[in-house]
Amino acid sequence: MKVEELFQNKDTVVKEIYEKILEMAEGFGPVVIEPKKTSIHLKNKSAFGGVHPKKKCLEFNVVLSKRIYDDRIKKIERVSANRFHHYFRFESASQIDESFIQLMKESYSLLG
């Protein structure tokens, strides 16, 4: 699967959100982009983020060592004693704010 294929038949805003997230993540250091069948993993040494393009929005999961609370989070999964997957839903690139960037940076460092 190629990255571009995951954005076919999606609103243009979905790709804009992805590009903004990717730009922010690349500011932390090297990022490996690993397309899957329905998602894209962003990796340092391990996947620190998961991109899930939807028709009109983008869901992004961040791996953290603690549970956090944010109105943009749609689901939280506890995958081990010290690992939580937080699923954010973004409908515009303007929702990518400093607090989210800091969480993504924390995830990048945690899995690096």
C-alpha atoms as a PDB file:
ATOM      1  CA  MET A   1       0.000   0.000   0.000  1.00  0.00           C
ATOM      2  CA  LYS A   2       1.220   3.510  -0.801  1.00  0.00           C
ATOM      3  CA  VAL A   3       0.532   6.545   1.359  1.00  0.00           C
ATOM      4  CA  GLU A   4      -1.290   8.338  -1.475  1.00  0.00           C
ATOM      5  CA  GLU A   5      -3.719   5.439  -1.882  1.00  0.00           C
ATOM      6  CA  LEU A   6      -4.899   5.849   1.714  1.00  0.00           C
ATOM      7  CA  PHE A   7      -6.091   9.378   0.914  1.00  0.00           C
ATOM      8  CA  GLN A   8      -8.072   8.500  -2.213  1.00  0.00           C
ATOM      9  CA  ASN A   9     -11.784   9.293  -1.897  1.00  0.00           C
ATOM     10  CA  LYS A  10     -11.163  11.345   1.255  1.00  0.00           C
ATOM     11  CA  ASP A  11     -11.806  15.054   1.785  1.00  0.00           C
ATOM     12  CA  THR A  12      -8.714  17.156   1.066  1.00  0.00           C
ATOM     13  CA  VAL A  13      -8.633  18.295   4.697  1.00  0.00           C
ATOM     14  CA  VAL A  14      -7.721  14.742   5.762  1.00  0.00           C
ATOM     15  CA  LYS A  15      -4.419  14.888   3.848  1.00  0.00           C
ATOM     16  CA  GLU A  16      -3.772  18.433   5.121  1.00  0.00           C
ATOM     17  CA  ILE A  17      -4.085  17.195   8.713  1.00  0.00           C
ATOM     18  CA  TYR A  18      -1.707  14.297   7.999  1.00  0.00           C
ATOM     19  CA  GLU A  19       0.857  16.601   6.401  1.00  0.00           C
ATOM     20  CA  LYS A  20       0.784  18.956   9.387  1.00  0.00           C
ATOM     21  CA  ILE A  21       1.217  16.081  11.852  1.00  0.00           C
ATOM     22  CA  LEU A  22       4.072  14.661   9.791  1.00  0.00           C
ATOM     23  CA  GLU A  23       5.790  18.048   9.587  1.00  0.00           C
ATOM     24  CA  MET A  24       5.594  18.432  13.366  1.00  0.00           C
ATOM     25  CA  ALA A  25       6.852  14.875  13.976  1.00  0.00           C
ATOM     26  CA  GLU A  26       9.831  15.333  11.653  1.00  0.00           C
ATOM     27  CA  GLY A  27      10.869  18.242  13.869  1.00  0.00           C
ATOM     28  CA  PHE A  28      11.566  15.731  16.679  1.00  0.00           C
ATOM     29  CA  GLY A  29      14.091  13.717  14.647  1.00  0.00           C
ATOM     30  CA  PRO A  30      14.038  10.909  12.076  1.00  0.00           C
ATOM     31  CA  VAL A  31      10.590   9.509  11.291  1.00  0.00           C
ATOM     32  CA  VAL A  32       9.979   6.301   9.363  1.00  0.00           C
ATOM     33  CA  ILE A  33       6.692   6.289   7.437  1.00  0.00           C
ATOM     34  CA  GLU A  34       5.272   2.789   7.233  1.00  0.00           C
ATOM     35  CA  PRO A  35       2.031   2.473   5.222  1.00  0.00           C
ATOM     36  CA  LYS A  36      -0.266  -0.413   6.109  1.00  0.00           C
ATOM     37  CA  LYS A  37      -3.518  -1.608   4.534  1.00  0.00           C
ATOM     38  CA  THR A  38      -5.743   0.980   6.264  1.00  0.00           C
ATOM     39  CA  SER A  39      -3.309   3.143   8.230  1.00  0.00           C
ATOM     40  CA  ILE A  40       0.166   4.623   8.396  1.00  0.00           C
ATOM     41  CA  HIS A  41       2.583   3.983  11.249  1.00  0.00           C
ATOM     42  CA  LEU A  42       4.951   6.782  12.181  1.00  0.00           C
ATOM     43  CA  LYS A  43       8.019   5.233  13.766  1.00  0.00           C
ATOM     44  CA  ASN A  44      11.089   6.276  15.666  1.00  0.00           C
ATOM     45  CA  LYS A  45      12.474   2.903  16.709  1.00  0.00           C
ATOM     46  CA  SER A  46       8.918   1.716  17.360  1.00  0.00           C
ATOM     47  CA  ALA A  47       5.593   3.153  16.255  1.00  0.00           C
ATOM     48  CA  PHE A  48       4.846   6.303  18.233  1.00  0.00           C
ATOM     49  CA  GLY A  49       1.797   7.246  16.205  1.00  0.00           C
ATOM     50  CA  GLY A  50      -0.837   5.728  13.996  1.00  0.00           C
ATOM     51  CA  VAL A  51      -2.565   7.641  11.198  1.00  0.00           C
ATOM     52  CA  HIS A  52      -6.072   6.449  10.307  1.00  0.00           C
ATOM     53  CA  PRO A  53      -7.554   8.434   7.386  1.00  0.00           C
ATOM     54  CA  LYS A  54     -11.353   8.552   7.398  1.00  0.00           C
ATOM     55  CA  LYS A  55     -13.704  10.095   4.825  1.00  0.00           C
ATOM     56  CA  LYS A  56     -13.969  13.515   6.513  1.00  0.00           C
ATOM     57  CA  CYS A  57     -11.504  13.370   9.405  1.00  0.00           C
ATOM     58  CA  LEU A  58      -8.242  11.864  10.514  1.00  0.00           C
ATOM     59  CA  GLU A  59      -7.837   9.686  13.571  1.00  0.00           C
ATOM     60  CA  PHE A  60      -4.392   9.572  15.128  1.00  0.00           C
ATOM     61  CA  ASN A  61      -3.313   7.361  17.976  1.00  0.00           C
ATOM     62  CA  VAL A  62      -0.534   8.377  20.338  1.00  0.00           C
ATOM     63  CA  VAL A  63       1.206   5.908  22.647  1.00  0.00           C
ATOM     64  CA  LEU A  64       1.856   7.299  26.139  1.00  0.00           C
ATOM     65  CA  SER A  65       2.963   5.923  29.495  1.00  0.00           C
ATOM     66  CA  LYS A  66      -0.069   7.376  31.283  1.00  0.00           C
ATOM     67  CA  ARG A  67      -3.746   8.034  30.649  1.00  0.00           C
ATOM     68  CA  ILE A  68      -4.510  11.617  29.658  1.00  0.00           C
ATOM     69  CA  TYR A  69      -7.767  13.467  29.066  1.00  0.00           C
ATOM     70  CA  ASP A  70      -8.576  15.720  26.114  1.00  0.00           C
ATOM     71  CA  ASP A  71     -11.879  16.496  24.382  1.00  0.00           C
ATOM     72  CA  ARG A  72     -10.400  15.362  21.047  1.00  0.00           C
ATOM     73  CA  ILE A  73      -9.771  11.824  22.356  1.00  0.00           C
ATOM     74  CA  LYS A  74     -12.396   9.379  21.152  1.00  0.00           C
ATOM     75  CA  LYS A  75     -11.008   6.203  22.706  1.00  0.00           C
ATOM     76  CA  ILE A  76      -8.279   5.085  25.124  1.00  0.00           C
ATOM     77  CA  GLU A  77      -6.887   1.543  25.234  1.00  0.00           C
ATOM     78  CA  ARG A  78      -4.668   0.311  28.041  1.00  0.00           C
ATOM     79  CA  VAL A  79      -2.335  -2.138  26.323  1.00  0.00           C
ATOM     80  CA  SER A  80      -0.059  -2.836  29.301  1.00  0.00           C
ATOM     81  CA  ALA A  81       0.629  -1.544  32.807  1.00  0.00           C
ATOM     82  CA  ASN A  82       2.447   1.515  31.452  1.00  0.00           C
ATOM     83  CA  ARG A  83       1.171   1.902  27.878  1.00  0.00           C
ATOM     84  CA  PHE A  84      -1.980   3.656  26.747  1.00  0.00           C
ATOM     85  CA  HIS A  85      -3.136   4.238  23.177  1.00  0.00           C
ATOM     86  CA  HIS A  86      -5.041   7.520  22.898  1.00  0.00           C
ATOM     87  CA  TYR A  87      -7.138   7.923  19.734  1.00  0.00           C
ATOM     88  CA  PHE A  88      -7.569  11.547  18.708  1.00  0.00           C
ATOM     89  CA  ARG A  89     -10.020  12.689  16.023  1.00  0.00           C
ATOM     90  CA  PHE A  90      -9.157  15.768  13.970  1.00  0.00           C
ATOM     91  CA  GLU A  91     -11.503  17.481  11.541  1.00  0.00           C
ATOM     92  CA  SER A  92      -9.163  20.353  10.634  1.00  0.00           C
ATOM     93  CA  ALA A  93      -5.448  21.064  10.703  1.00  0.00           C
ATOM     94  CA  SER A  94      -6.100  23.959  13.097  1.00  0.00           C
ATOM     95  CA  GLN A  95      -6.865  21.404  15.824  1.00  0.00           C
ATOM     96  CA  ILE A  96      -3.173  20.404  15.838  1.00  0.00           C
ATOM     97  CA  ASP A  97      -2.101  22.646  18.704  1.00  0.00           C
ATOM     98  CA  GLU A  98       0.893  22.892  21.012  1.00  0.00           C
ATOM     99  CA  SER A  99      -0.603  20.523  23.601  1.00  0.00           C
ATOM    100  CA  PHE A 100      -1.049  17.789  20.985  1.00  0.00           C
ATOM    101  CA  ILE A 101       2.448  18.375  19.586  1.00  0.00           C
ATOM    102  CA  GLN A 102       3.902  17.951  23.092  1.00  0.00           C
ATOM    103  CA  LEU A 103       2.023  14.658  23.533  1.00  0.00           C
ATOM    104  CA  MET A 104       3.294  13.425  20.176  1.00  0.00           C
ATOM    105  CA  LYS A 105       6.847  14.442  21.149  1.00  0.00           C
ATOM    106  CA  GLU A 106       6.467  12.537  24.426  1.00  0.00           C
ATOM    107  CA  SER A 107       5.371   9.466  22.477  1.00  0.00           C
ATOM    108  CA  TYR A 108       8.281   9.871  20.038  1.00  0.00           C
ATOM    109  CA  SER A 109      10.765   9.982  22.939  1.00  0.00           C
ATOM    110  CA  LEU A 110       9.091   7.114  24.802  1.00  0.00           C
ATOM    111  CA  LEU A 111       9.388   4.781  21.805  1.00  0.00           C
ATOM    112  CA  GLY A 112      12.770   5.944  20.557  1.00  0.00           C
END
